[in-house]
């Protein structure tokens, strides 16, 4: 009996020690170090506008107005055929390299009823959305459709090369950066829309270009959130 009690006391003491060390002291040490050395990053890299949070410089947002730089496409939280950018559900499309969701020139959009279920005809075949002229509505999230939309938005020729990051989602769906090549192409549209010179816009692109991680990993990238907020501060329509 005494031996059993001794083992119980040892277990209780070990439980209390590990609880204090791992659940109190260690988290407290991590918190203090983070706040002292990396406060901005530890608190979410929140960007303030007029004293109010406007987002995080580490998370992509969807900028659709042509006066802003567009981020990478996103499949975070909503699947490959919707808008994405759900910071609470980071993730990619998980589509394989031969998937129709990536390669189809026109992936039809299924018609849904009020409950969200797919509509079928009398023979049980799926009914797809159509345009007023009767043509099929194509899923805008396929790479060919994104290429077409990117060229149209930026005034490029039908055979112009398009940066890969402009038409593919990142693994997280929330990558805050775009490539320098992507930013240079978009700079012309942004400058024209805002009534600024291309040199002014490219100067901001240079300022918000971040180098390779650790100096040698990956490629330089341009932070879209910070760049777009800087554009608002610079003026223009």
Protein backbone atom coordinates (compact mmCIF):
# COMPACT_ATOMS: atom_id res chain seq x y z
CA UNK A 1 0.00 0.00 0.00
CA UNK A 2 2.79 2.41 0.96
CA UNK A 3 4.60 1.62 -2.30
CA UNK A 4 1.46 2.39 -4.28
CA UNK A 5 1.00 5.73 -2.46
CA UNK A 6 4.62 6.65 -3.17
CA UNK A 7 4.07 6.02 -6.89
CA UNK A 8 0.92 8.13 -6.82
CA UNK A 9 2.77 11.03 -5.17
CA UNK A 10 5.61 10.76 -7.72
CA UNK A 11 3.10 10.84 -10.57
CA UNK A 12 1.27 13.82 -9.12
CA UNK A 13 4.53 15.75 -8.60
CA UNK A 14 5.63 14.94 -12.15
CA UNK A 15 2.24 16.06 -13.47
CA UNK A 16 2.45 19.37 -11.59
CA UNK A 17 6.05 20.02 -12.67
CA UNK A 18 5.37 19.33 -16.34
CA UNK A 19 2.15 21.33 -16.19
CA UNK A 20 3.98 24.37 -14.81
CA UNK A 21 6.92 24.03 -17.20
CA UNK A 22 5.03 23.19 -20.41
CA UNK A 23 1.72 24.99 -19.85
CA UNK A 24 2.90 28.10 -18.01
CA UNK A 25 6.64 28.81 -18.19
CA UNK A 26 7.27 27.72 -21.80
CA UNK A 27 4.27 29.57 -23.32
CA UNK A 28 5.13 32.63 -21.24
CA UNK A 29 8.74 32.55 -22.45
CA UNK A 30 7.64 32.20 -26.08
CA UNK A 31 5.18 35.09 -25.66
CA UNK A 32 7.77 37.39 -24.08
CA UNK A 33 10.42 36.63 -26.71
CA UNK A 34 7.89 37.12 -29.52
CA UNK A 35 6.65 40.43 -28.14
CA UNK A 36 10.14 41.75 -27.51
CA UNK A 37 11.79 40.59 -30.73
CA UNK A 38 9.00 40.04 -33.28
CA UNK A 39 6.02 42.02 -32.01
CA UNK A 40 4.56 42.92 -35.40
CA UNK A 41 4.78 39.39 -36.79
CA UNK A 42 3.65 37.78 -33.54
CA UNK A 43 0.52 39.95 -33.54
CA UNK A 44 -0.46 39.08 -37.10
CA UNK A 45 1.40 41.74 -39.13
CA UNK A 46 -1.74 43.88 -39.04
CA UNK A 47 -1.75 46.89 -41.38
CA UNK A 48 -3.50 50.00 -40.04
CA UNK A 49 -5.32 52.63 -42.09
CA UNK A 50 -6.48 55.74 -40.20
CA UNK A 51 -6.08 53.84 -36.95
CA UNK A 52 -8.19 50.90 -38.08
CA UNK A 53 -6.99 47.43 -39.14
CA UNK A 54 -7.15 46.99 -42.92
CA UNK A 55 -5.79 43.46 -43.10
CA UNK A 56 -2.53 41.64 -42.66
CA UNK A 57 0.55 42.06 -44.79
CA UNK A 58 1.04 38.29 -44.52
CA UNK A 59 -2.38 37.33 -45.91
CA UNK A 60 -3.67 37.92 -49.43
CA UNK A 61 -6.89 39.85 -50.00
CA UNK A 62 -9.02 39.96 -53.13
CA UNK A 63 -8.57 43.31 -54.90
CA UNK A 64 -10.93 43.45 -57.88
CA UNK A 65 -10.94 47.18 -58.68
CA UNK A 66 -8.63 47.81 -61.69
CA UNK A 67 -6.89 50.63 -59.82
CA UNK A 68 -5.34 48.02 -57.53
CA UNK A 69 -2.79 45.29 -58.12
CA UNK A 70 -4.46 41.89 -58.18
CA UNK A 71 -3.08 39.14 -55.93
CA UNK A 72 -2.58 35.52 -56.89
CA UNK A 73 -5.78 33.51 -57.38
CA UNK A 74 -6.98 31.70 -54.27
CA UNK A 75 -8.80 28.47 -53.48
CA UNK A 76 -8.64 28.97 -49.71
CA UNK A 77 -11.75 27.77 -47.97
CA UNK A 78 -14.21 27.63 -50.84
CA UNK A 79 -13.00 25.23 -53.48
CA UNK A 80 -11.51 25.87 -56.88
CA UNK A 81 -14.53 27.49 -58.51
CA UNK A 82 -15.14 30.38 -56.07
CA UNK A 83 -13.35 33.47 -54.79
CA UNK A 84 -11.21 32.08 -51.99
CA UNK A 85 -9.09 34.30 -49.71
CA UNK A 86 -10.69 32.79 -46.58
CA UNK A 87 -8.05 33.43 -43.93
CA UNK A 88 -9.74 30.98 -41.56
CA UNK A 89 -9.43 28.07 -43.97
CA UNK A 90 -6.08 28.19 -45.73
CA UNK A 91 -5.66 25.62 -48.48
CA UNK A 92 -5.08 24.96 -52.15
CA UNK A 93 -7.21 23.48 -54.91
CA UNK A 94 -5.43 20.09 -54.70
CA UNK A 95 -6.09 19.67 -58.42
CA UNK A 96 -3.63 17.43 -60.24
CA UNK A 97 -1.55 18.65 -63.20
CA UNK A 98 -3.88 16.96 -65.70
CA UNK A 99 -7.12 18.00 -64.01
CA UNK A 100 -9.87 19.65 -66.07
CA UNK A 101 -10.11 22.16 -63.25
CA UNK A 102 -6.68 23.38 -64.37
CA UNK A 103 -6.58 22.74 -68.09
CA UNK A 104 -10.11 22.93 -69.48
CA UNK A 105 -10.63 25.74 -71.97
CA UNK A 106 -14.28 25.87 -70.93
CA UNK A 107 -15.33 23.91 -67.86
CA UNK A 108 -19.14 24.24 -67.73
CA UNK A 109 -20.69 25.70 -64.59
CA UNK A 110 -23.50 23.46 -63.27
CA UNK A 111 -26.86 25.05 -62.62
CA UNK A 112 -27.93 24.82 -58.96
CA UNK A 113 -31.36 24.99 -57.39
CA UNK A 114 -32.33 26.97 -54.29
CA UNK A 115 -30.93 24.25 -52.03
CA UNK A 116 -27.56 24.23 -53.79
CA UNK A 117 -28.17 20.88 -55.48
CA UNK A 118 -27.25 20.33 -59.13
CA UNK A 119 -30.15 20.67 -61.57
CA UNK A 120 -30.70 17.77 -63.95
CA UNK A 121 -32.91 17.32 -67.02
CA UNK A 122 -35.59 14.67 -67.54
CA UNK A 123 -32.92 12.11 -68.43
CA UNK A 124 -30.85 12.83 -65.34
CA UNK A 125 -28.14 14.74 -67.19
CA UNK A 126 -26.68 17.83 -65.50
CA UNK A 127 -27.95 21.22 -66.65
CA UNK A 128 -25.26 23.87 -67.07
CA UNK A 129 -25.45 27.65 -66.84
CA UNK A 130 -25.69 29.49 -70.15
CA UNK A 131 -25.07 33.05 -71.33
CA UNK A 132 -27.85 35.17 -72.93
CA UNK A 133 -26.61 34.07 -76.36
CA UNK A 134 -27.02 30.41 -75.41
CA UNK A 135 -23.31 29.64 -75.05
CA UNK A 136 -22.06 27.83 -71.97
CA UNK A 137 -20.87 29.81 -68.97
CA UNK A 138 -17.24 28.78 -68.44
CA UNK A 139 -15.74 28.34 -65.01
CA UNK A 140 -13.50 31.41 -64.61
CA UNK A 141 -11.16 29.56 -62.25
CA UNK A 142 -9.51 27.33 -64.86
CA UNK A 143 -6.04 28.38 -65.95
CA UNK A 144 -6.99 29.05 -69.63
CA UNK A 145 -9.87 31.28 -68.50
CA UNK A 146 -7.60 33.10 -66.05
CA UNK A 147 -5.03 33.66 -68.80
CA UNK A 148 -7.68 35.16 -71.06
CA UNK A 149 -8.99 37.39 -68.27
CA UNK A 150 -5.48 38.52 -67.27
CA UNK A 151 -4.57 39.47 -70.84
CA UNK A 152 -7.82 41.39 -71.26
CA UNK A 153 -7.49 43.23 -67.95
CA UNK A 154 -3.93 44.31 -68.67
CA UNK A 155 -4.23 45.10 -72.37
CA UNK A 156 -1.98 42.26 -73.53
CA UNK A 157 -1.95 40.57 -76.91
CA UNK A 158 -3.78 37.27 -77.30
CA UNK A 159 -0.46 35.40 -77.49
CA UNK A 160 1.38 37.35 -74.77
CA UNK A 161 3.21 35.33 -72.14
CA UNK A 162 1.59 35.46 -68.69
CA UNK A 163 3.46 35.00 -65.38
CA UNK A 164 2.52 31.65 -63.84
CA UNK A 165 1.71 33.19 -60.45
CA UNK A 166 -0.95 35.37 -62.11
CA UNK A 167 -3.09 32.37 -63.05
CA UNK A 168 -2.33 29.70 -60.44
CA UNK A 169 -3.16 29.63 -56.74
CA UNK A 170 -0.54 29.16 -54.07
CA UNK A 171 -0.50 26.11 -51.80
CA UNK A 172 -1.93 28.13 -48.93
CA UNK A 173 -4.31 30.19 -51.06
CA UNK A 174 -3.17 33.22 -49.05
CA UNK A 175 0.25 34.06 -50.49
CA UNK A 176 0.61 37.84 -49.98
CA UNK A 177 3.20 38.31 -52.74
CA UNK A 178 3.21 38.31 -56.51
CA UNK A 179 6.23 38.05 -58.78
CA UNK A 180 8.04 41.16 -59.94
CA UNK A 181 7.17 40.26 -63.56
CA UNK A 182 3.48 40.09 -62.63
CA UNK A 183 3.67 43.46 -60.89
CA UNK A 184 5.45 45.11 -63.84
CA UNK A 185 2.69 44.02 -66.21
CA UNK A 186 -0.06 45.24 -63.89
CA UNK A 187 1.73 48.55 -63.27
CA UNK A 188 0.65 49.88 -66.66
CA UNK A 189 -3.05 49.26 -65.93
CA UNK A 190 -2.82 50.66 -62.39
CA UNK A 191 -0.99 53.78 -63.58
CA UNK A 192 -3.49 54.38 -66.38
CA UNK A 193 -6.50 53.87 -64.08
CA UNK A 194 -5.16 56.16 -61.35
CA UNK A 195 -3.79 58.84 -63.64
CA UNK A 196 -0.24 58.28 -62.36
CA UNK A 197 2.90 57.76 -64.38
CA UNK A 198 4.19 54.24 -64.88
CA UNK A 199 7.48 55.34 -63.30
CA UNK A 200 5.65 56.42 -60.13
CA UNK A 201 3.90 53.08 -59.86
CA UNK A 202 7.04 51.08 -60.62
CA UNK A 203 8.89 53.04 -57.94
CA UNK A 204 6.35 51.78 -55.41
CA UNK A 205 6.69 48.27 -56.83
CA UNK A 206 10.44 48.45 -56.20
CA UNK A 207 9.89 49.75 -52.65
CA UNK A 208 7.56 46.88 -51.72
CA UNK A 209 9.61 44.15 -53.39
CA UNK A 210 10.96 41.68 -50.83
CA UNK A 211 14.11 39.67 -51.50
CA UNK A 212 14.58 35.92 -51.43
CA UNK A 213 13.97 34.17 -48.11
CA UNK A 214 17.26 33.88 -46.21
CA UNK A 215 18.86 35.51 -49.22
CA UNK A 216 18.75 32.44 -51.47
CA UNK A 217 15.37 30.66 -51.22
CA UNK A 218 12.66 31.31 -53.78
CA UNK A 219 12.32 34.46 -55.85
CA UNK A 220 11.77 38.14 -54.95
CA UNK A 221 8.12 39.00 -54.42
CA UNK A 222 5.98 42.13 -54.21
CA UNK A 223 3.66 42.49 -51.21
CA UNK A 224 0.25 43.27 -52.72
CA UNK A 225 -1.55 44.50 -49.60
CA UNK A 226 1.16 46.99 -48.64
CA UNK A 227 1.62 48.10 -52.26
CA UNK A 228 -2.10 48.79 -52.76
CA UNK A 229 -2.34 50.76 -49.52
CA UNK A 230 0.72 52.78 -50.57
CA UNK A 231 -1.01 53.53 -53.88
CA UNK A 232 -3.99 54.95 -51.99
CA UNK A 233 -1.65 57.18 -50.01
CA UNK A 234 0.09 58.29 -53.21
CA UNK A 235 -3.18 59.56 -54.63
CA UNK A 236 -4.63 59.23 -58.08
CA UNK A 237 -8.24 58.54 -58.96
